[in-house]
């Protein structure tokens, strides 16, 4: 997660889901939580990986990272 954060995120790592869910809720009127956002990303990565005969390393790595962020959000 740290290596990917160095490329894509702030120094403290990936923490964009809360703002993303807030924007989504404002546009749609839904009431998703931050953990719902991470769950959606977990499902996306699992589906992408399972659409291939061979494992898709990027999807699997992201899925694991998103699962960790999901847990963090749920335990807040």
C-alpha atoms as a PDB file:
ATOM      1  CA  UNK A   1       0.000   0.000   0.000  1.00  0.00           C
ATOM      2  CA  UNK A   2       2.859   2.370   0.775  1.00  0.00           C
ATOM      3  CA  UNK A   3       4.490   1.863  -2.628  1.00  0.00           C
ATOM      4  CA  UNK A   4       1.215   2.558  -4.423  1.00  0.00           C
ATOM      5  CA  UNK A   5       0.525   5.556  -2.204  1.00  0.00           C
ATOM      6  CA  UNK A   6       3.875   7.056  -3.135  1.00  0.00           C
ATOM      7  CA  UNK A   7       2.763   7.025  -6.767  1.00  0.00           C
ATOM      8  CA  UNK A   8      -0.924   7.910  -6.496  1.00  0.00           C
ATOM      9  CA  UNK A   9      -1.788   9.382  -3.119  1.00  0.00           C
ATOM     10  CA  UNK A  10      -0.888  11.814  -0.382  1.00  0.00           C
ATOM     11  CA  UNK A  11       2.041  10.950   1.884  1.00  0.00           C
ATOM     12  CA  UNK A  12      -0.372   9.553   4.482  1.00  0.00           C
ATOM     13  CA  UNK A  13      -1.847   7.206   1.875  1.00  0.00           C
ATOM     14  CA  UNK A  14      -5.186   6.677   0.168  1.00  0.00           C
ATOM     15  CA  UNK A  15      -7.889   8.588   2.002  1.00  0.00           C
ATOM     16  CA  UNK A  16     -10.084   9.895  -0.816  1.00  0.00           C
ATOM     17  CA  UNK A  17     -13.147   7.729  -0.263  1.00  0.00           C
ATOM     18  CA  UNK A  18     -14.834   9.915   2.351  1.00  0.00           C
ATOM     19  CA  UNK A  19     -14.790  12.896  -0.007  1.00  0.00           C
ATOM     20  CA  UNK A  20     -15.853  10.704  -2.927  1.00  0.00           C
ATOM     21  CA  UNK A  21     -18.827   9.271  -1.025  1.00  0.00           C
ATOM     22  CA  UNK A  22     -19.826  12.738   0.181  1.00  0.00           C
ATOM     23  CA  UNK A  23     -19.863  13.986  -3.424  1.00  0.00           C
ATOM     24  CA  UNK A  24     -21.772  10.889  -4.618  1.00  0.00           C
ATOM     25  CA  UNK A  25     -24.373  11.328  -1.889  1.00  0.00           C
ATOM     26  CA  UNK A  26     -24.781  15.035  -2.722  1.00  0.00           C
ATOM     27  CA  UNK A  27     -25.382  14.275  -6.399  1.00  0.00           C
ATOM     28  CA  UNK A  28     -27.614  11.210  -5.953  1.00  0.00           C
ATOM     29  CA  UNK A  29     -29.335  11.785  -2.637  1.00  0.00           C
ATOM     30  CA  UNK A  30     -28.085   8.392  -1.419  1.00  0.00           C
ATOM     31  CA  UNK A  31     -26.552   7.857   2.000  1.00  0.00           C
ATOM     32  CA  UNK A  32     -23.537   5.642   1.337  1.00  0.00           C
ATOM     33  CA  UNK A  33     -20.865   5.506   4.010  1.00  0.00           C
ATOM     34  CA  UNK A  34     -17.117   5.504   3.502  1.00  0.00           C
ATOM     35  CA  UNK A  35     -17.048   1.762   4.159  1.00  0.00           C
ATOM     36  CA  UNK A  36     -19.759   1.270   1.497  1.00  0.00           C
ATOM     37  CA  UNK A  37     -17.461   3.033  -0.963  1.00  0.00           C
ATOM     38  CA  UNK A  38     -14.596   0.680  -0.146  1.00  0.00           C
ATOM     39  CA  UNK A  39     -16.933  -2.325  -0.384  1.00  0.00           C
ATOM     40  CA  UNK A  40     -17.929  -1.199  -3.866  1.00  0.00           C
ATOM     41  CA  UNK A  41     -14.256  -1.011  -4.868  1.00  0.00           C
ATOM     42  CA  UNK A  42     -13.590  -4.483  -3.383  1.00  0.00           C
ATOM     43  CA  UNK A  43     -16.425  -5.920  -5.451  1.00  0.00           C
ATOM     44  CA  UNK A  44     -15.214  -4.143  -8.583  1.00  0.00           C
ATOM     45  CA  UNK A  45     -11.715  -5.576  -8.215  1.00  0.00           C
ATOM     46  CA  UNK A  46     -13.041  -9.077  -7.452  1.00  0.00           C
ATOM     47  CA  UNK A  47     -15.278  -9.034 -10.522  1.00  0.00           C
ATOM     48  CA  UNK A  48     -12.472  -7.750 -12.744  1.00  0.00           C
ATOM     49  CA  UNK A  49     -10.121 -10.444 -11.491  1.00  0.00           C
ATOM     50  CA  UNK A  50     -12.694 -13.202 -11.945  1.00  0.00           C
ATOM     51  CA  UNK A  51     -13.434 -12.228 -15.537  1.00  0.00           C
ATOM     52  CA  UNK A  52     -10.011 -13.574 -16.498  1.00  0.00           C
ATOM     53  CA  UNK A  53      -8.689 -17.121 -16.593  1.00  0.00           C
ATOM     54  CA  UNK A  54      -5.433 -16.069 -14.892  1.00  0.00           C
ATOM     55  CA  UNK A  55      -5.233 -13.855 -11.804  1.00  0.00           C
ATOM     56  CA  UNK A  56      -4.914 -10.133 -12.502  1.00  0.00           C
ATOM     57  CA  UNK A  57      -2.178  -9.059 -10.083  1.00  0.00           C
ATOM     58  CA  UNK A  58      -3.154  -5.382 -10.000  1.00  0.00           C
ATOM     59  CA  UNK A  59      -6.776  -6.211  -9.192  1.00  0.00           C
ATOM     60  CA  UNK A  60      -5.801  -8.664  -6.454  1.00  0.00           C
ATOM     61  CA  UNK A  61      -3.355  -6.207  -4.871  1.00  0.00           C
ATOM     62  CA  UNK A  62      -5.936  -3.433  -4.964  1.00  0.00           C
ATOM     63  CA  UNK A  63      -8.595  -5.739  -3.515  1.00  0.00           C
ATOM     64  CA  UNK A  64      -6.392  -6.500  -0.513  1.00  0.00           C
ATOM     65  CA  UNK A  65      -5.612  -2.819   0.021  1.00  0.00           C
ATOM     66  CA  UNK A  66      -9.281  -1.845  -0.287  1.00  0.00           C
ATOM     67  CA  UNK A  67     -10.244  -4.558   2.190  1.00  0.00           C
ATOM     68  CA  UNK A  68      -7.843  -3.009   4.681  1.00  0.00           C
ATOM     69  CA  UNK A  69      -9.280   0.461   4.072  1.00  0.00           C
ATOM     70  CA  UNK A  70     -12.801  -0.966   4.397  1.00  0.00           C
ATOM     71  CA  UNK A  71     -11.891  -2.381   7.808  1.00  0.00           C
ATOM     72  CA  UNK A  72     -10.373   0.908   8.862  1.00  0.00           C
ATOM     73  CA  UNK A  73     -13.527   2.801   7.836  1.00  0.00           C
ATOM     74  CA  UNK A  74     -15.837   0.319   9.586  1.00  0.00           C
ATOM     75  CA  UNK A  75     -13.874   0.567  12.830  1.00  0.00           C
ATOM     76  CA  UNK A  76     -13.896   4.373  12.985  1.00  0.00           C
END
